Amino acid sequence: MALPYFFLILAIASEVMGTVALQSTQQFTRLGPSIFVALSYALSFYFLSLTLNHIPVGVAYAIWSGVGIVSIAVIGYVVFAQTLDMPAILGMVMILCGVLVINLFSSSTVH
């Protein structure tokens, strides 16, 4: 795997961890979870910035946000028993298809 995509995976993972922990901050009134969220987001942006040395910002952000959205929704469904209706599932499938099209067919993913 190319190094830019490794950094992008780390950026996505950090963002997802921070977002999953966001609820436990109780509107940032709990110090420990709040620090974890802030550090997770900072780490995510750091890795995303490393990605931008090789992948255009529009492409990197589309992948980062798309995979993050779907990951959070799946975690919400599996871990927190949150429901997903058919339009939500269809929308996430479309997001994943968009990420796949970018990665498989776009010549602007890595420069």
PDB file of N, CA and C in Angstrom:
ATOM      1  N   MET A   1       0.845  -1.178   0.000  1.00  0.00           N
ATOM      2  CA  MET A   1       0.000   0.000   0.000  1.00  0.00           C
ATOM      3  C   MET A   1       0.891   1.242   0.000  1.00  0.00           C
ATOM      4  N   ALA A   2       0.514   2.207  -0.774  1.00  0.00           N
ATOM      5  CA  ALA A   2       1.283   3.436  -0.850  1.00  0.00           C
ATOM      6  C   ALA A   2       1.177   4.211   0.460  1.00  0.00           C
ATOM      7  N   LEU A   3       2.244   4.889   0.794  1.00  0.00           N
ATOM      8  CA  LEU A   3       2.305   5.635   2.056  1.00  0.00           C
ATOM      9  C   LEU A   3       1.195   6.679   2.191  1.00  0.00           C
ATOM     10  N   PRO A   4       0.841   7.423   1.138  1.00  0.00           N
ATOM     11  CA  PRO A   4      -0.250   8.395   1.306  1.00  0.00           C
ATOM     12  C   PRO A   4      -1.561   7.745   1.744  1.00  0.00           C
ATOM     13  N   TYR A   5      -1.849   6.562   1.229  1.00  0.00           N
ATOM     14  CA  TYR A   5      -3.081   5.887   1.632  1.00  0.00           C
ATOM     15  C   TYR A   5      -2.989   5.340   3.051  1.00  0.00           C
ATOM     16  N   PHE A   6      -1.815   4.970   3.482  1.00  0.00           N
ATOM     17  CA  PHE A   6      -1.611   4.564   4.871  1.00  0.00           C
ATOM     18  C   PHE A   6      -1.918   5.740   5.800  1.00  0.00           C
ATOM     19  N   PHE A   7      -1.398   6.935   5.452  1.00  0.00           N
ATOM     20  CA  PHE A   7      -1.690   8.130   6.250  1.00  0.00           C
ATOM     21  C   PHE A   7      -3.183   8.453   6.218  1.00  0.00           C
ATOM     22  N   LEU A   8      -3.812   8.256   5.063  1.00  0.00           N
ATOM     23  CA  LEU A   8      -5.244   8.533   4.954  1.00  0.00           C
ATOM     24  C   LEU A   8      -6.047   7.570   5.825  1.00  0.00           C
ATOM     25  N   ILE A   9      -5.666   6.310   5.869  1.00  0.00           N
ATOM     26  CA  ILE A   9      -6.331   5.340   6.737  1.00  0.00           C
ATOM     27  C   ILE A   9      -6.168   5.734   8.202  1.00  0.00           C
ATOM     28  N   LEU A  10      -4.968   6.180   8.576  1.00  0.00           N
ATOM     29  CA  LEU A  10      -4.750   6.629   9.955  1.00  0.00           C
ATOM     30  C   LEU A  10      -5.585   7.871  10.264  1.00  0.00           C
ATOM     31  N   ALA A  11      -5.711   8.771   9.291  1.00  0.00           N
ATOM     32  CA  ALA A  11      -6.531   9.968   9.478  1.00  0.00           C
ATOM     33  C   ALA A  11      -7.991   9.594   9.685  1.00  0.00           C
ATOM     34  N   ILE A  12      -8.479   8.665   8.881  1.00  0.00           N
ATOM     35  CA  ILE A  12      -9.870   8.218   9.015  1.00  0.00           C
ATOM     36  C   ILE A  12     -10.084   7.527  10.356  1.00  0.00           C
ATOM     37  N   ALA A  13      -9.181   6.635  10.728  1.00  0.00           N
ATOM     38  CA  ALA A  13      -9.313   5.910  11.995  1.00  0.00           C
ATOM     39  C   ALA A  13      -9.309   6.865  13.181  1.00  0.00           C
ATOM     40  N   SER A  14      -8.441   7.861  13.161  1.00  0.00           N
ATOM     41  CA  SER A  14      -8.377   8.837  14.253  1.00  0.00           C
ATOM     42  C   SER A  14      -9.663   9.642  14.345  1.00  0.00           C
ATOM     43  N   GLU A  15     -10.180  10.049  13.188  1.00  0.00           N
ATOM     44  CA  GLU A  15     -11.419  10.829  13.166  1.00  0.00           C
ATOM     45  C   GLU A  15     -12.586   9.998  13.674  1.00  0.00           C
ATOM     46  N   VAL A  16     -12.645   8.751  13.267  1.00  0.00           N
ATOM     47  CA  VAL A  16     -13.734   7.864  13.703  1.00  0.00           C
ATOM     48  C   VAL A  16     -13.664   7.638  15.215  1.00  0.00           C
ATOM     49  N   MET A  17     -12.463   7.403  15.741  1.00  0.00           N
ATOM     50  CA  MET A  17     -12.325   7.214  17.193  1.00  0.00           C
ATOM     51  C   MET A  17     -12.789   8.460  17.949  1.00  0.00           C
ATOM     52  N   GLY A  18     -12.402   9.631  17.472  1.00  0.00           N
ATOM     53  CA  GLY A  18     -12.812  10.865  18.125  1.00  0.00           C
ATOM     54  C   GLY A  18     -14.316  11.068  18.073  1.00  0.00           C
ATOM     55  N   THR A  19     -14.906  10.768  16.927  1.00  0.00           N
ATOM     56  CA  THR A  19     -16.344  10.956  16.781  1.00  0.00           C
ATOM     57  C   THR A  19     -17.128   9.964  17.634  1.00  0.00           C
ATOM     58  N   VAL A  20     -16.665   8.731  17.710  1.00  0.00           N
ATOM     59  CA  VAL A  20     -17.330   7.740  18.564  1.00  0.00           C
ATOM     60  C   VAL A  20     -17.266   8.185  20.030  1.00  0.00           C
ATOM     61  N   ALA A  21     -16.155   8.762  20.433  1.00  0.00           N
ATOM     62  CA  ALA A  21     -15.981   9.193  21.828  1.00  0.00           C
ATOM     63  C   ALA A  21     -16.680  10.518  22.127  1.00  0.00           C
ATOM     64  N   LEU A  22     -17.120  11.216  21.103  1.00  0.00           N
ATOM     65  CA  LEU A  22     -17.697  12.552  21.290  1.00  0.00           C
ATOM     66  C   LEU A  22     -18.890  12.547  22.241  1.00  0.00           C
ATOM     67  N   GLN A  23     -19.742  11.557  22.136  1.00  0.00           N
ATOM     68  CA  GLN A  23     -20.922  11.489  23.005  1.00  0.00           C
ATOM     69  C   GLN A  23     -20.527  11.365  24.477  1.00  0.00           C
ATOM     70  N   SER A  24     -19.426  10.673  24.746  1.00  0.00           N
ATOM     71  CA  SER A  24     -19.020  10.473  26.142  1.00  0.00           C
ATOM     72  C   SER A  24     -18.455  11.740  26.783  1.00  0.00           C
ATOM     73  N   THR A  25     -18.219  12.787  26.002  1.00  0.00           N
ATOM     74  CA  THR A  25     -17.742  14.041  26.591  1.00  0.00           C
ATOM     75  C   THR A  25     -18.853  14.780  27.316  1.00  0.00           C
ATOM     76  N   GLN A  26     -20.111  14.406  27.023  1.00  0.00           N
ATOM     77  CA  GLN A  26     -21.282  15.082  27.585  1.00  0.00           C
ATOM     78  C   GLN A  26     -21.172  16.592  27.393  1.00  0.00           C
ATOM     79  N   GLN A  27     -21.124  16.990  26.121  1.00  0.00           N
ATOM     80  CA  GLN A  27     -20.993  18.392  25.709  1.00  0.00           C
ATOM     81  C   GLN A  27     -19.713  19.030  26.271  1.00  0.00           C
ATOM     82  N   PHE A  28     -18.649  18.250  26.259  1.00  0.00           N
ATOM     83  CA  PHE A  28     -17.322  18.677  26.721  1.00  0.00           C
ATOM     84  C   PHE A  28     -17.292  19.091  28.184  1.00  0.00           C
ATOM     85  N   THR A  29     -18.119  18.437  28.990  1.00  0.00           N
ATOM     86  CA  THR A  29     -18.102  18.696  30.434  1.00  0.00           C
ATOM     87  C   THR A  29     -17.269  17.667  31.182  1.00  0.00           C
ATOM     88  N   ARG A  30     -16.835  16.597  30.498  1.00  0.00           N
ATOM     89  CA  ARG A  30     -15.977  15.569  31.107  1.00  0.00           C
ATOM     90  C   ARG A  30     -14.590  15.693  30.504  1.00  0.00           C
ATOM     91  N   LEU A  31     -13.610  15.931  31.353  1.00  0.00           N
ATOM     92  CA  LEU A  31     -12.265  16.280  30.902  1.00  0.00           C
ATOM     93  C   LEU A  31     -11.581  15.153  30.131  1.00  0.00           C
ATOM     94  N   GLY A  32     -11.556  13.953  30.666  1.00  0.00           N
ATOM     95  CA  GLY A  32     -10.843  12.849  30.019  1.00  0.00           C
ATOM     96  C   GLY A  32     -11.329  12.573  28.604  1.00  0.00           C
ATOM     97  N   PRO A  33     -12.625  12.315  28.431  1.00  0.00           N
ATOM     98  CA  PRO A  33     -13.118  12.084  27.071  1.00  0.00           C
ATOM     99  C   PRO A  33     -12.935  13.293  26.155  1.00  0.00           C
ATOM    100  N   SER A  34     -13.036  14.489  26.707  1.00  0.00           N
ATOM    101  CA  SER A  34     -12.852  15.704  25.903  1.00  0.00           C
ATOM    102  C   SER A  34     -11.428  15.798  25.370  1.00  0.00           C
ATOM    103  N   ILE A  35     -10.456  15.475  26.216  1.00  0.00           N
ATOM    104  CA  ILE A  35      -9.054  15.485  25.780  1.00  0.00           C
ATOM    105  C   ILE A  35      -8.839  14.416  24.718  1.00  0.00           C
ATOM    106  N   PHE A  36      -9.413  13.235  24.914  1.00  0.00           N
ATOM    107  CA  PHE A  36      -9.290  12.158  23.932  1.00  0.00           C
ATOM    108  C   PHE A  36      -9.852  12.585  22.576  1.00  0.00           C
ATOM    109  N   VAL A  37     -11.015  13.216  22.577  1.00  0.00           N
ATOM    110  CA  VAL A  37     -11.627  13.675  21.329  1.00  0.00           C
ATOM    111  C   VAL A  37     -10.732  14.710  20.651  1.00  0.00           C
ATOM    112  N   ALA A  38     -10.253  15.682  21.409  1.00  0.00           N
ATOM    113  CA  ALA A  38      -9.405  16.723  20.835  1.00  0.00           C
ATOM    114  C   ALA A  38      -8.123  16.135  20.253  1.00  0.00           C
ATOM    115  N   LEU A  39      -7.503  15.217  20.979  1.00  0.00           N
ATOM    116  CA  LEU A  39      -6.276  14.584  20.475  1.00  0.00           C
ATOM    117  C   LEU A  39      -6.554  13.721  19.247  1.00  0.00           C
ATOM    118  N   SER A  40      -7.669  13.029  19.241  1.00  0.00           N
ATOM    119  CA  SER A  40      -8.030  12.198  18.086  1.00  0.00           C
ATOM    120  C   SER A  40      -8.223  13.052  16.841  1.00  0.00           C
ATOM    121  N   TYR A  41      -8.942  14.169  16.992  1.00  0.00           N
ATOM    122  CA  TYR A  41      -9.147  15.057  15.844  1.00  0.00           C
ATOM    123  C   TYR A  41      -7.841  15.704  15.400  1.00  0.00           C
ATOM    124  N   ALA A  42      -7.011  16.108  16.348  1.00  0.00           N
ATOM    125  CA  ALA A  42      -5.711  16.693  15.992  1.00  0.00           C
ATOM    126  C   ALA A  42      -4.858  15.681  15.229  1.00  0.00           C
ATOM    127  N   LEU A  43      -4.842  14.462  15.700  1.00  0.00           N
ATOM    128  CA  LEU A  43      -4.091  13.402  15.024  1.00  0.00           C
ATOM    129  C   LEU A  43      -4.662  13.138  13.627  1.00  0.00           C
ATOM    130  N   SER A  44      -5.967  13.166  13.531  1.00  0.00           N
ATOM    131  CA  SER A  44      -6.608  12.957  12.240  1.00  0.00           C
ATOM    132  C   SER A  44      -6.191  14.031  11.241  1.00  0.00           C
ATOM    133  N   PHE A  45      -6.224  15.280  11.666  1.00  0.00           N
ATOM    134  CA  PHE A  45      -5.832  16.365  10.758  1.00  0.00           C
ATOM    135  C   PHE A  45      -4.342  16.317  10.433  1.00  0.00           C
ATOM    136  N   TYR A  46      -3.538  15.881  11.369  1.00  0.00           N
ATOM    137  CA  TYR A  46      -2.110  15.736  11.092  1.00  0.00           C
ATOM    138  C   TYR A  46      -1.883  14.697   9.992  1.00  0.00           C
ATOM    139  N   PHE A  47      -2.488  13.528  10.148  1.00  0.00           N
ATOM    140  CA  PHE A  47      -2.326  12.490   9.126  1.00  0.00           C
ATOM    141  C   PHE A  47      -2.950  12.910   7.795  1.00  0.00           C
ATOM    142  N   LEU A  48      -4.058  13.627   7.859  1.00  0.00           N
ATOM    143  CA  LEU A  48      -4.659  14.128   6.623  1.00  0.00           C
ATOM    144  C   LEU A  48      -3.721  15.108   5.931  1.00  0.00           C
ATOM    145  N   SER A  49      -3.037  15.934   6.710  1.00  0.00           N
ATOM    146  CA  SER A  49      -2.086  16.879   6.110  1.00  0.00           C
ATOM    147  C   SER A  49      -0.920  16.157   5.441  1.00  0.00           C
ATOM    148  N   LEU A  50      -0.488  15.042   6.012  1.00  0.00           N
ATOM    149  CA  LEU A  50       0.574  14.255   5.374  1.00  0.00           C
ATOM    150  C   LEU A  50       0.082  13.641   4.059  1.00  0.00           C
ATOM    151  N   THR A  51      -1.171  13.262   4.036  1.00  0.00           N
ATOM    152  CA  THR A  51      -1.771  12.711   2.830  1.00  0.00           C
ATOM    153  C   THR A  51      -1.772  13.741   1.707  1.00  0.00           C
ATOM    154  N   LEU A  52      -1.991  15.000   2.061  1.00  0.00           N
ATOM    155  CA  LEU A  52      -2.132  16.052   1.052  1.00  0.00           C
ATOM    156  C   LEU A  52      -0.838  16.356   0.314  1.00  0.00           C
ATOM    157  N   ASN A  53       0.283  15.791   0.756  1.00  0.00           N
ATOM    158  CA  ASN A  53       1.519  15.923   0.000  1.00  0.00           C
ATOM    159  C   ASN A  53       1.464  15.121  -1.293  1.00  0.00           C
ATOM    160  N   HIS A  54       0.543  14.156  -1.376  1.00  0.00           N
ATOM    161  CA  HIS A  54       0.508  13.243  -2.522  1.00  0.00           C
ATOM    162  C   HIS A  54      -0.861  13.114  -3.177  1.00  0.00           C
ATOM    163  N   ILE A  55      -1.905  13.404  -2.458  1.00  0.00           N
ATOM    164  CA  ILE A  55      -3.269  13.266  -2.982  1.00  0.00           C
ATOM    165  C   ILE A  55      -3.916  14.649  -2.934  1.00  0.00           C
ATOM    166  N   PRO A  56      -4.557  15.084  -4.030  1.00  0.00           N
ATOM    167  CA  PRO A  56      -5.221  16.394  -4.025  1.00  0.00           C
ATOM    168  C   PRO A  56      -6.249  16.509  -2.905  1.00  0.00           C
ATOM    169  N   VAL A  57      -6.403  17.707  -2.384  1.00  0.00           N
ATOM    170  CA  VAL A  57      -7.252  17.934  -1.218  1.00  0.00           C
ATOM    171  C   VAL A  57      -8.694  17.507  -1.469  1.00  0.00           C
ATOM    172  N   GLY A  58      -9.243  17.763  -2.625  1.00  0.00           N
ATOM    173  CA  GLY A  58     -10.626  17.383  -2.903  1.00  0.00           C
ATOM    174  C   GLY A  58     -10.827  15.882  -2.873  1.00  0.00           C
ATOM    175  N   VAL A  59      -9.894  15.149  -3.440  1.00  0.00           N
ATOM    176  CA  VAL A  59      -9.974  13.690  -3.464  1.00  0.00           C
ATOM    177  C   VAL A  59      -9.759  13.125  -2.062  1.00  0.00           C
ATOM    178  N   ALA A  60      -8.734  13.605  -1.373  1.00  0.00           N
ATOM    179  CA  ALA A  60      -8.445  13.109  -0.020  1.00  0.00           C
ATOM    180  C   ALA A  60      -9.607  13.389   0.920  1.00  0.00           C
ATOM    181  N   TYR A  61     -10.163  14.594   0.830  1.00  0.00           N
ATOM    182  CA  TYR A  61     -11.272  14.938   1.723  1.00  0.00           C
ATOM    183  C   TYR A  61     -12.513  14.114   1.403  1.00  0.00           C
ATOM    184  N   ALA A  62     -12.771  13.864   0.131  1.00  0.00           N
ATOM    185  CA  ALA A  62     -13.929  13.048  -0.248  1.00  0.00           C
ATOM    186  C   ALA A  62     -13.807  11.645   0.329  1.00  0.00           C
ATOM    187  N   ILE A  63     -12.624  11.073   0.235  1.00  0.00           N
ATOM    188  CA  ILE A  63     -12.410   9.724   0.780  1.00  0.00           C
ATOM    189  C   ILE A  63     -12.492   9.749   2.297  1.00  0.00           C
ATOM    190  N   TRP A  64     -11.800  10.716   2.919  1.00  0.00           N
ATOM    191  CA  TRP A  64     -11.763  10.834   4.381  1.00  0.00           C
ATOM    192  C   TRP A  64     -13.167  10.989   4.956  1.00  0.00           C
ATOM    193  N   SER A  65     -13.927  11.911   4.400  1.00  0.00           N
ATOM    194  CA  SER A  65     -15.264  12.156   4.953  1.00  0.00           C
ATOM    195  C   SER A  65     -16.223  11.030   4.610  1.00  0.00           C
ATOM    196  N   GLY A  66     -16.154  10.503   3.385  1.00  0.00           N
ATOM    197  CA  GLY A  66     -17.069   9.437   2.990  1.00  0.00           C
ATOM    198  C   GLY A  66     -16.881   8.171   3.799  1.00  0.00           C
ATOM    199  N   VAL A  67     -15.649   7.727   3.907  1.00  0.00           N
ATOM    200  CA  VAL A  67     -15.381   6.508   4.677  1.00  0.00           C
ATOM    201  C   VAL A  67     -15.672   6.755   6.159  1.00  0.00           C
ATOM    202  N   GLY A  68     -15.393   7.962   6.637  1.00  0.00           N
ATOM    203  CA  GLY A  68     -15.698   8.291   8.028  1.00  0.00           C
ATOM    204  C   GLY A  68     -17.189   8.254   8.314  1.00  0.00           C
ATOM    205  N   ILE A  69     -17.991   8.805   7.410  1.00  0.00           N
ATOM    206  CA  ILE A  69     -19.449   8.806   7.594  1.00  0.00           C
ATOM    207  C   ILE A  69     -19.979   7.385   7.674  1.00  0.00           C
ATOM    208  N   VAL A  70     -19.571   6.565   6.739  1.00  0.00           N
ATOM    209  CA  VAL A  70     -20.055   5.185   6.709  1.00  0.00           C
ATOM    210  C   VAL A  70     -19.567   4.418   7.940  1.00  0.00           C
ATOM    211  N   SER A  71     -18.316   4.617   8.318  1.00  0.00           N
ATOM    212  CA  SER A  71     -17.768   3.922   9.492  1.00  0.00           C
ATOM    213  C   SER A  71     -18.532   4.287  10.758  1.00  0.00           C
ATOM    214  N   ILE A  72     -18.795   5.571  10.943  1.00  0.00           N
ATOM    215  CA  ILE A  72     -19.535   6.021  12.128  1.00  0.00           C
ATOM    216  C   ILE A  72     -20.946   5.435  12.128  1.00  0.00           C
ATOM    217  N   ALA A  73     -21.603   5.404  10.984  1.00  0.00           N
ATOM    218  CA  ALA A  73     -22.952   4.852  10.912  1.00  0.00           C
ATOM    219  C   ALA A  73     -22.954   3.367  11.250  1.00  0.00           C
ATOM    220  N   VAL A  74     -21.984   2.634  10.742  1.00  0.00           N
ATOM    221  CA  VAL A  74     -21.902   1.199  11.036  1.00  0.00           C
ATOM    222  C   VAL A  74     -21.610   0.969  12.519  1.00  0.00           C
ATOM    223  N   ILE A  75     -20.692   1.735  13.082  1.00  0.00           N
ATOM    224  CA  ILE A  75     -20.388   1.615  14.511  1.00  0.00           C
ATOM    225  C   ILE A  75     -21.619   1.966  15.342  1.00  0.00           C
ATOM    226  N   GLY A  76     -22.326   3.010  14.955  1.00  0.00           N
ATOM    227  CA  GLY A  76     -23.556   3.375  15.656  1.00  0.00           C
ATOM    228  C   GLY A  76     -24.580   2.258  15.631  1.00  0.00           C
ATOM    229  N   TYR A  77     -24.683   1.590  14.504  1.00  0.00           N
ATOM    230  CA  TYR A  77     -25.622   0.479  14.363  1.00  0.00           C
ATOM    231  C   TYR A  77     -25.199  -0.721  15.210  1.00  0.00           C
ATOM    232  N   VAL A  78     -23.914  -1.087  15.123  1.00  0.00           N
ATOM    233  CA  VAL A  78     -23.428  -2.295  15.794  1.00  0.00           C
ATOM    234  C   VAL A  78     -23.241  -2.080  17.296  1.00  0.00           C
ATOM    235  N   VAL A  79     -22.606  -0.991  17.673  1.00  0.00           N
ATOM    236  CA  VAL A  79     -22.232  -0.781  19.075  1.00  0.00           C
ATOM    237  C   VAL A  79     -23.347  -0.123  19.882  1.00  0.00           C
ATOM    238  N   PHE A  80     -24.007   0.874  19.294  1.00  0.00           N
ATOM    239  CA  PHE A  80     -24.991   1.655  20.041  1.00  0.00           C
ATOM    240  C   PHE A  80     -26.437   1.302  19.695  1.00  0.00           C
ATOM    241  N   ALA A  81     -26.626   0.275  18.856  1.00  0.00           N
ATOM    242  CA  ALA A  81     -27.962  -0.187  18.455  1.00  0.00           C
ATOM    243  C   ALA A  81     -28.809   0.934  17.848  1.00  0.00           C
ATOM    244  N   GLN A  82     -28.176   1.834  17.132  1.00  0.00           N
ATOM    245  CA  GLN A  82     -28.904   2.896  16.443  1.00  0.00           C
ATOM    246  C   GLN A  82     -29.452   2.333  15.131  1.00  0.00           C
ATOM    247  N   THR A  83     -30.614   2.781  14.750  1.00  0.00           N
ATOM    248  CA  THR A  83     -31.254   2.214  13.568  1.00  0.00           C
ATOM    249  C   THR A  83     -30.841   2.970  12.305  1.00  0.00           C
ATOM    250  N   LEU A  84     -30.838   2.234  11.209  1.00  0.00           N
ATOM    251  CA  LEU A  84     -30.591   2.808   9.893  1.00  0.00           C
ATOM    252  C   LEU A  84     -31.747   2.390   8.992  1.00  0.00           C
ATOM    253  N   ASP A  85     -32.449   3.361   8.416  1.00  0.00           N
ATOM    254  CA  ASP A  85     -33.525   3.005   7.498  1.00  0.00           C
ATOM    255  C   ASP A  85     -32.961   2.830   6.085  1.00  0.00           C
ATOM    256  N   MET A  86     -33.801   2.402   5.176  1.00  0.00           N
ATOM    257  CA  MET A  86     -33.354   2.086   3.836  1.00  0.00           C
ATOM    258  C   MET A  86     -32.759   3.305   3.108  1.00  0.00           C
ATOM    259  N   PRO A  87     -33.334   4.504   3.220  1.00  0.00           N
ATOM    260  CA  PRO A  87     -32.685   5.650   2.575  1.00  0.00           C
ATOM    261  C   PRO A  87     -31.281   5.929   3.120  1.00  0.00           C
ATOM    262  N   ALA A  88     -31.087   5.742   4.415  1.00  0.00           N
ATOM    263  CA  ALA A  88     -29.761   5.950   4.999  1.00  0.00           C
ATOM    264  C   ALA A  88     -28.775   4.919   4.464  1.00  0.00           C
ATOM    265  N   ILE A  89     -29.214   3.669   4.402  1.00  0.00           N
ATOM    266  CA  ILE A  89     -28.343   2.615   3.884  1.00  0.00           C
ATOM    267  C   ILE A  89     -28.029   2.864   2.414  1.00  0.00           C
ATOM    268  N   LEU A  90     -29.023   3.226   1.639  1.00  0.00           N
ATOM    269  CA  LEU A  90     -28.812   3.523   0.220  1.00  0.00           C
ATOM    270  C   LEU A  90     -27.842   4.686   0.038  1.00  0.00           C
ATOM    271  N   GLY A  91     -27.999   5.709   0.836  1.00  0.00           N
ATOM    272  CA  GLY A  91     -27.085   6.849   0.766  1.00  0.00           C
ATOM    273  C   GLY A  91     -25.656   6.461   1.075  1.00  0.00           C
ATOM    274  N   MET A  92     -25.475   5.609   2.071  1.00  0.00           N
ATOM    275  CA  MET A  92     -24.116   5.170   2.414  1.00  0.00           C
ATOM    276  C   MET A  92     -23.524   4.272   1.342  1.00  0.00           C
ATOM    277  N   VAL A  93     -24.357   3.450   0.720  1.00  0.00           N
ATOM    278  CA  VAL A  93     -23.875   2.641  -0.403  1.00  0.00           C
ATOM    279  C   VAL A  93     -23.419   3.564  -1.534  1.00  0.00           C
ATOM    280  N   MET A  94     -24.158   4.624  -1.785  1.00  0.00           N
ATOM    281  CA  MET A  94     -23.779   5.575  -2.828  1.00  0.00           C
ATOM    282  C   MET A  94     -22.470   6.289  -2.474  1.00  0.00           C
ATOM    283  N   ILE A  95     -22.284   6.622  -1.208  1.00  0.00           N
ATOM    284  CA  ILE A  95     -21.028   7.234  -0.774  1.00  0.00           C
ATOM    285  C   ILE A  95     -19.869   6.283  -1.041  1.00  0.00           C
ATOM    286  N   LEU A  96     -20.032   5.028  -0.639  1.00  0.00           N
ATOM    287  CA  LEU A  96     -18.963   4.040  -0.863  1.00  0.00           C
ATOM    288  C   LEU A  96     -18.694   3.840  -2.350  1.00  0.00           C
ATOM    289  N   CYS A  97     -19.744   3.841  -3.148  1.00  0.00           N
ATOM    290  CA  CYS A  97     -19.550   3.724  -4.602  1.00  0.00           C
ATOM    291  C   CYS A  97     -18.755   4.914  -5.130  1.00  0.00           C
ATOM    292  N   GLY A  98     -19.039   6.090  -4.625  1.00  0.00           N
ATOM    293  CA  GLY A  98     -18.288   7.271  -5.029  1.00  0.00           C
ATOM    294  C   GLY A  98     -16.822   7.172  -4.664  1.00  0.00           C
ATOM    295  N   VAL A  99     -16.534   6.689  -3.472  1.00  0.00           N
ATOM    296  CA  VAL A  99     -15.145   6.501  -3.046  1.00  0.00           C
ATOM    297  C   VAL A  99     -14.457   5.479  -3.946  1.00  0.00           C
ATOM    298  N   LEU A 100     -15.154   4.403  -4.282  1.00  0.00           N
ATOM    299  CA  LEU A 100     -14.580   3.401  -5.174  1.00  0.00           C
ATOM    300  C   LEU A 100     -14.318   3.961  -6.567  1.00  0.00           C
ATOM    301  N   VAL A 101     -15.246   4.728  -7.094  1.00  0.00           N
ATOM    302  CA  VAL A 101     -15.048   5.332  -8.424  1.00  0.00           C
ATOM    303  C   VAL A 101     -13.827   6.236  -8.415  1.00  0.00           C
ATOM    304  N   ILE A 102     -13.693   7.042  -7.373  1.00  0.00           N
ATOM    305  CA  ILE A 102     -12.524   7.924  -7.273  1.00  0.00           C
ATOM    306  C   ILE A 102     -11.242   7.110  -7.281  1.00  0.00           C
ATOM    307  N   ASN A 103     -11.196   6.058  -6.475  1.00  0.00           N
ATOM    308  CA  ASN A 103      -9.955   5.281  -6.334  1.00  0.00           C
ATOM    309  C   ASN A 103      -9.667   4.400  -7.537  1.00  0.00           C
ATOM    310  N   LEU A 104     -10.696   3.881  -8.179  1.00  0.00           N
ATOM    311  CA  LEU A 104     -10.457   2.936  -9.267  1.00  0.00           C
ATOM    312  C   LEU A 104     -10.318   3.602 -10.631  1.00  0.00           C
ATOM    313  N   PHE A 105     -10.985   4.735 -10.834  1.00  0.00           N
ATOM    314  CA  PHE A 105     -11.046   5.293 -12.177  1.00  0.00           C
ATOM    315  C   PHE A 105     -10.471   6.701 -12.321  1.00  0.00           C
ATOM    316  N   SER A 106     -10.248   7.394 -11.230  1.00  0.00           N
ATOM    317  CA  SER A 106      -9.744   8.762 -11.331  1.00  0.00           C
ATOM    318  C   SER A 106      -8.219   8.767 -11.446  1.00  0.00           C
ATOM    319  N   SER A 107      -7.727   9.572 -12.352  1.00  0.00           N
ATOM    320  CA  SER A 107      -6.265   9.703 -12.476  1.00  0.00           C
ATOM    321  C   SER A 107      -5.730  10.794 -11.548  1.00  0.00           C
ATOM    322  N   SER A 108      -6.591  11.419 -10.792  1.00  0.00           N
ATOM    323  CA  SER A 108      -6.147  12.504  -9.911  1.00  0.00           C
ATOM    324  C   SER A 108      -5.963  12.072  -8.467  1.00  0.00           C
ATOM    325  N   THR A 109      -5.936  10.780  -8.193  1.00  0.00           N
ATOM    326  CA  THR A 109      -5.819  10.349  -6.799  1.00  0.00           C
ATOM    327  C   THR A 109      -4.422  10.487  -6.237  1.00  0.00           C
ATOM    328  N   VAL A 110      -3.397  10.189  -6.992  1.00  0.00           N
ATOM    329  CA  VAL A 110      -2.021  10.305  -6.486  1.00  0.00           C
ATOM    330  C   VAL A 110      -1.193  11.018  -7.525  1.00  0.00           C
ATOM    331  N   HIS A 111      -0.452  12.036  -7.071  1.00  0.00           N
ATOM    332  CA  HIS A 111       0.455  12.737  -7.996  1.00  0.00           C
ATOM    333  C   HIS A 111       1.864  12.746  -7.483  1.00  0.00           C
TER     334      HIS A 111
END
